[in-house]
């Protein structure tokens, strides 16, 4: 694996990056909310050394830099170059299916919006298990079927994907039947994680999207728009049924004693 070392230091978040662009947050806040929620979960733990697996442009590091020691890894050099301005201990070019770390060398791993792109997901889970210390933590996020996309699929009789050209899988709280697709249930992810020694200890989600009404019911869109206000949407996500259909699903696992 090729190692790329940078002198990383803390800087103010680059507002040119879409996740933290104030204008974009008003229009589509969920990527920012997702990162902040993941960071808050990690901050609540005592474990210090974390890997940002597939770190992308590196925004997570700025949310954790003062609280955790964090290493960034990504397979694309151009992303690592953009991540230089964020507060990583080091940046490493490599794949999550073949991590360049010693056994039991990490206390935590965050894998945000990545496993939907990885064909060999078991290989990634095996590597996470190998590199984590006993009782270490793994935080995974993946796109999930919302009430809106579920309604669209029932109406259109065809699958609705977040990113059909890029994703090999997406999650759903309930099984999706009726056409060839790549949807996997939340329970499916838990079963696979369990095979590599992980126990689910916390779950959550971000962004609760509702059906877009047409025709005589189009007036309901005014109500739907209110539901997309960030504070309102966060409250709706606590409701028993709604909370099972987030745009982003979040799981925290803990590695069992080996």
Protein backbone atom coordinates (compact mmCIF):
# COMPACT_ATOMS: atom_id res chain seq x y z
CA UNK A 1 0.00 0.00 0.00
CA UNK A 2 1.28 3.44 -0.87
CA UNK A 3 1.56 5.73 2.12
CA UNK A 4 1.10 9.45 1.62
CA UNK A 5 2.15 11.56 4.59
CA UNK A 6 1.02 15.15 5.01
CA UNK A 7 1.59 17.73 7.70
CA UNK A 8 -2.04 17.94 8.75
CA UNK A 9 -3.35 20.73 10.93
CA UNK A 10 -6.72 22.08 11.97
CA UNK A 11 -8.41 24.62 9.73
CA UNK A 12 -11.88 26.10 9.47
CA UNK A 13 -14.24 23.92 7.41
CA UNK A 14 -14.03 24.77 3.73
CA UNK A 15 -17.47 26.16 2.86
CA UNK A 16 -16.78 25.46 -0.81
CA UNK A 17 -17.28 21.77 -0.04
CA UNK A 18 -20.87 20.78 -0.62
CA UNK A 19 -21.45 19.07 2.72
CA UNK A 20 -20.82 22.28 4.62
CA UNK A 21 -21.92 24.89 2.11
CA UNK A 22 -24.45 27.00 4.09
CA UNK A 23 -26.67 27.45 1.03
CA UNK A 24 -26.66 23.71 0.32
CA UNK A 25 -27.46 22.90 3.94
CA UNK A 26 -30.65 24.95 3.71
CA UNK A 27 -31.66 23.01 0.59
CA UNK A 28 -30.43 19.51 1.50
CA UNK A 29 -29.05 19.31 5.06
CA UNK A 30 -28.81 15.54 5.49
CA UNK A 31 -25.14 14.96 4.53
CA UNK A 32 -24.03 17.54 7.09
CA UNK A 33 -26.41 16.20 9.72
CA UNK A 34 -25.12 12.68 9.08
CA UNK A 35 -21.49 13.64 9.67
CA UNK A 36 -22.38 15.58 12.80
CA UNK A 37 -24.39 12.70 14.21
CA UNK A 38 -21.61 10.19 13.55
CA UNK A 39 -19.14 12.56 15.19
CA UNK A 40 -21.35 12.96 18.26
CA UNK A 41 -21.58 9.17 18.66
CA UNK A 42 -17.81 8.83 18.43
CA UNK A 43 -17.16 11.71 20.84
CA UNK A 44 -19.25 9.92 23.47
CA UNK A 45 -16.71 7.05 23.54
CA UNK A 46 -13.41 6.93 25.40
CA UNK A 47 -11.47 5.20 22.60
CA UNK A 48 -8.85 7.54 21.14
CA UNK A 49 -7.36 6.23 17.86
CA UNK A 50 -9.86 6.11 14.98
CA UNK A 51 -9.64 5.29 11.29
CA UNK A 52 -11.79 7.26 8.86
CA UNK A 53 -12.12 4.44 6.32
CA UNK A 54 -12.65 5.92 2.84
CA UNK A 55 -12.29 9.42 4.23
CA UNK A 56 -13.06 11.23 0.98
CA UNK A 57 -12.38 14.95 1.25
CA UNK A 58 -11.96 14.68 5.00
CA UNK A 59 -14.74 16.67 6.66
CA UNK A 60 -15.20 14.18 9.51
CA UNK A 61 -11.72 14.95 10.84
CA UNK A 62 -12.66 18.55 11.61
CA UNK A 63 -15.57 17.38 13.73
CA UNK A 64 -13.33 14.99 15.67
CA UNK A 65 -9.85 16.52 15.54
CA UNK A 66 -9.96 18.11 18.99
CA UNK A 67 -11.51 15.02 20.57
CA UNK A 68 -9.88 12.00 18.88
CA UNK A 69 -6.74 10.98 17.07
CA UNK A 70 -7.90 10.16 13.56
CA UNK A 71 -6.19 8.63 10.53
CA UNK A 72 -7.63 9.06 7.05
CA UNK A 73 -7.56 6.35 4.38
CA UNK A 74 -8.87 6.50 0.83
CA UNK A 75 -8.15 4.65 -2.37
CA UNK A 76 -8.16 7.83 -4.49
CA UNK A 77 -5.12 10.09 -4.29
CA UNK A 78 -7.07 13.16 -5.46
CA UNK A 79 -9.37 12.87 -2.45
CA UNK A 80 -6.42 12.53 -0.11
CA UNK A 81 -4.92 15.69 -1.56
CA UNK A 82 -8.15 17.56 -0.83
CA UNK A 83 -8.18 16.07 2.69
CA UNK A 84 -4.80 17.66 3.53
CA UNK A 85 -6.47 20.74 4.99
CA UNK A 86 -8.25 18.66 7.66
CA UNK A 87 -6.95 17.58 11.04
CA UNK A 88 -5.72 14.02 10.43
CA UNK A 89 -2.71 12.48 12.13
CA UNK A 90 -1.81 11.06 8.73
CA UNK A 91 -3.38 10.21 5.38
CA UNK A 92 -2.85 6.82 3.74
CA UNK A 93 -3.71 5.64 0.26
CA UNK A 94 -5.27 2.18 0.44
CA UNK A 95 -8.37 0.01 0.19
CA UNK A 96 -10.77 -0.90 2.99
CA UNK A 97 -10.69 -4.50 1.76
CA UNK A 98 -6.93 -4.68 2.46
CA UNK A 99 -6.10 -2.30 5.28
CA UNK A 100 -2.40 -1.40 5.78
CA UNK A 101 -2.58 -1.72 9.58
CA UNK A 102 -1.36 -4.31 12.07
CA UNK A 103 -3.75 -6.62 13.88
CA UNK A 104 -5.60 -4.99 16.80
CA UNK A 105 -3.98 -1.61 16.13
CA UNK A 106 -7.09 0.60 16.06
CA UNK A 107 -9.63 1.41 18.75
CA UNK A 108 -12.35 2.59 16.36
CA UNK A 109 -13.30 2.70 12.68
CA UNK A 110 -15.82 4.96 10.95
CA UNK A 111 -17.00 3.86 7.50
CA UNK A 112 -19.37 6.51 6.17
CA UNK A 113 -21.37 6.02 2.96
CA UNK A 114 -18.87 3.51 1.57
CA UNK A 115 -20.08 -0.10 1.84
CA UNK A 116 -22.81 0.55 -0.74
CA UNK A 117 -19.97 0.90 -3.29
CA UNK A 118 -17.93 -2.16 -2.24
CA UNK A 119 -18.65 -5.42 -4.08
CA UNK A 120 -16.71 -7.55 -1.58
CA UNK A 121 -18.27 -6.25 1.62
CA UNK A 122 -17.27 -9.35 3.66
CA UNK A 123 -13.61 -8.61 2.91
CA UNK A 124 -14.03 -5.11 4.35
CA UNK A 125 -15.77 -6.42 7.48
CA UNK A 126 -13.03 -9.01 7.93
CA UNK A 127 -10.38 -6.30 7.72
CA UNK A 128 -12.25 -4.10 10.20
CA UNK A 129 -12.41 -7.03 12.61
CA UNK A 130 -8.70 -7.81 12.17
CA UNK A 131 -7.49 -4.27 12.76
CA UNK A 132 -9.73 -3.39 15.71
CA UNK A 133 -8.74 -4.05 19.28
CA UNK A 134 -11.06 -6.31 21.32
CA UNK A 135 -14.14 -4.28 22.30
CA UNK A 136 -13.28 -1.73 19.61
CA UNK A 137 -16.03 0.17 17.82
CA UNK A 138 -17.19 0.22 14.21
CA UNK A 139 -19.58 2.90 12.93
CA UNK A 140 -21.19 2.21 9.54
CA UNK A 141 -23.57 4.37 7.55
CA UNK A 142 -25.35 3.39 4.34
CA UNK A 143 -28.21 4.81 2.22
CA UNK A 144 -31.61 3.36 3.06
CA UNK A 145 -35.10 3.19 1.58
CA UNK A 146 -37.28 6.09 2.72
CA UNK A 147 -41.06 6.30 2.84
CA UNK A 148 -40.82 8.40 -0.32
CA UNK A 149 -38.80 5.86 -2.30
CA UNK A 150 -40.95 3.00 -0.99
CA UNK A 151 -44.07 4.83 -2.19
CA UNK A 152 -42.44 5.54 -5.57
CA UNK A 153 -41.56 1.87 -6.05
CA UNK A 154 -45.07 0.75 -5.20
CA UNK A 155 -46.51 3.32 -7.63
CA UNK A 156 -44.04 2.93 -10.50
CA UNK A 157 -43.48 -0.84 -10.13
CA UNK A 158 -39.74 -0.43 -10.54
CA UNK A 159 -36.78 0.03 -8.18
CA UNK A 160 -35.79 3.49 -7.03
CA UNK A 161 -32.13 3.89 -6.12
CA UNK A 162 -30.16 6.69 -4.51
CA UNK A 163 -27.36 6.29 -7.08
CA UNK A 164 -28.04 3.56 -9.67
CA UNK A 165 -24.69 3.91 -11.46
CA UNK A 166 -22.55 3.77 -8.31
CA UNK A 167 -24.21 1.63 -5.64
CA UNK A 168 -24.09 -2.17 -5.56
CA UNK A 169 -26.49 -2.30 -2.60
CA UNK A 170 -28.71 -0.14 -0.43
CA UNK A 171 -30.51 -0.96 2.80
CA UNK A 172 -34.20 -1.22 3.63
CA UNK A 173 -35.93 -1.79 6.93
CA UNK A 174 -38.38 -4.17 5.22
CA UNK A 175 -37.69 -6.67 2.39
CA UNK A 176 -38.27 -5.19 -1.07
CA UNK A 177 -40.04 -7.70 -3.30
CA UNK A 178 -41.34 -7.80 -6.85
CA UNK A 179 -38.36 -7.04 -9.10
CA UNK A 180 -34.66 -7.84 -9.36
CA UNK A 181 -32.85 -5.41 -7.12
CA UNK A 182 -29.99 -4.96 -4.75
CA UNK A 183 -31.85 -3.93 -1.62
CA UNK A 184 -30.70 -5.62 1.59
CA UNK A 185 -32.39 -5.37 4.96
CA UNK A 186 -30.93 -3.81 8.07
CA UNK A 187 -31.11 -7.28 9.62
CA UNK A 188 -28.96 -8.58 6.75
CA UNK A 189 -26.21 -6.09 7.62
CA UNK A 190 -26.36 -7.10 11.28
CA UNK A 191 -26.06 -10.80 10.35
CA UNK A 192 -22.99 -10.16 8.20
CA UNK A 193 -21.37 -8.02 10.88
CA UNK A 194 -22.04 -10.74 13.44
CA UNK A 195 -20.12 -13.26 11.30
CA UNK A 196 -17.00 -11.18 11.87
CA UNK A 197 -17.48 -10.76 15.60
CA UNK A 198 -19.47 -7.52 15.74
CA UNK A 199 -22.46 -6.90 17.97
CA UNK A 200 -24.90 -4.08 17.22
CA UNK A 201 -25.13 -1.69 20.17
CA UNK A 202 -26.77 1.37 18.64
CA UNK A 203 -28.69 2.33 15.52
CA UNK A 204 -30.19 5.48 14.11
CA UNK A 205 -30.80 7.44 10.97
CA UNK A 206 -30.83 10.83 9.28
CA UNK A 207 -33.29 12.38 6.83
CA UNK A 208 -36.88 11.16 6.76
CA UNK A 209 -38.44 11.70 3.33
CA UNK A 210 -42.15 11.48 2.63
CA UNK A 211 -44.22 10.82 -0.52
CA UNK A 212 -44.58 13.68 -3.00
CA UNK A 213 -48.27 14.13 -3.65
CA UNK A 214 -49.72 14.97 -7.05
CA UNK A 215 -53.03 16.00 -8.56
CA UNK A 216 -55.80 16.83 -6.07
CA UNK A 217 -53.51 16.03 -3.15
CA UNK A 218 -50.72 18.36 -4.32
CA UNK A 219 -51.58 20.80 -1.52
CA UNK A 220 -50.08 18.27 0.90
CA UNK A 221 -46.65 19.30 -0.41
CA UNK A 222 -46.87 22.36 1.82
CA UNK A 223 -47.00 20.04 4.83
CA UNK A 224 -44.18 17.89 3.45
CA UNK A 225 -41.95 20.95 3.07
CA UNK A 226 -42.46 21.76 6.74
CA UNK A 227 -41.37 18.21 7.55
CA UNK A 228 -38.03 18.91 5.86
CA UNK A 229 -37.05 21.65 8.25
CA UNK A 230 -34.06 20.21 10.07
CA UNK A 231 -35.40 20.44 13.63
CA UNK A 232 -38.85 19.19 12.61
CA UNK A 233 -37.37 16.28 10.66
CA UNK A 234 -35.18 15.25 13.59
CA UNK A 235 -38.27 15.09 15.81
CA UNK A 236 -40.21 13.10 13.22
CA UNK A 237 -37.34 10.61 13.14
CA UNK A 238 -38.17 9.63 16.71
CA UNK A 239 -41.65 8.36 15.78
CA UNK A 240 -41.99 4.52 15.88
CA UNK A 241 -42.74 3.93 12.18
CA UNK A 242 -40.99 6.91 10.59
CA UNK A 243 -37.65 6.19 12.28
CA UNK A 244 -37.35 2.94 10.29
CA UNK A 245 -37.12 4.81 6.97
CA UNK A 246 -34.15 7.22 7.08
CA UNK A 247 -32.29 8.42 4.04
CA UNK A 248 -29.08 7.38 5.82
CA UNK A 249 -28.97 4.40 8.18
CA UNK A 250 -26.37 4.44 10.99
CA UNK A 251 -25.14 1.45 12.99
CA UNK A 252 -22.61 1.27 15.79
CA UNK A 253 -21.08 -2.15 16.37
CA UNK A 254 -18.69 -3.37 19.05
CA UNK A 255 -16.16 -6.11 18.42
CA UNK A 256 -16.53 -9.03 20.76
CA UNK A 257 -13.57 -10.41 22.69
CA UNK A 258 -11.50 -12.66 20.41
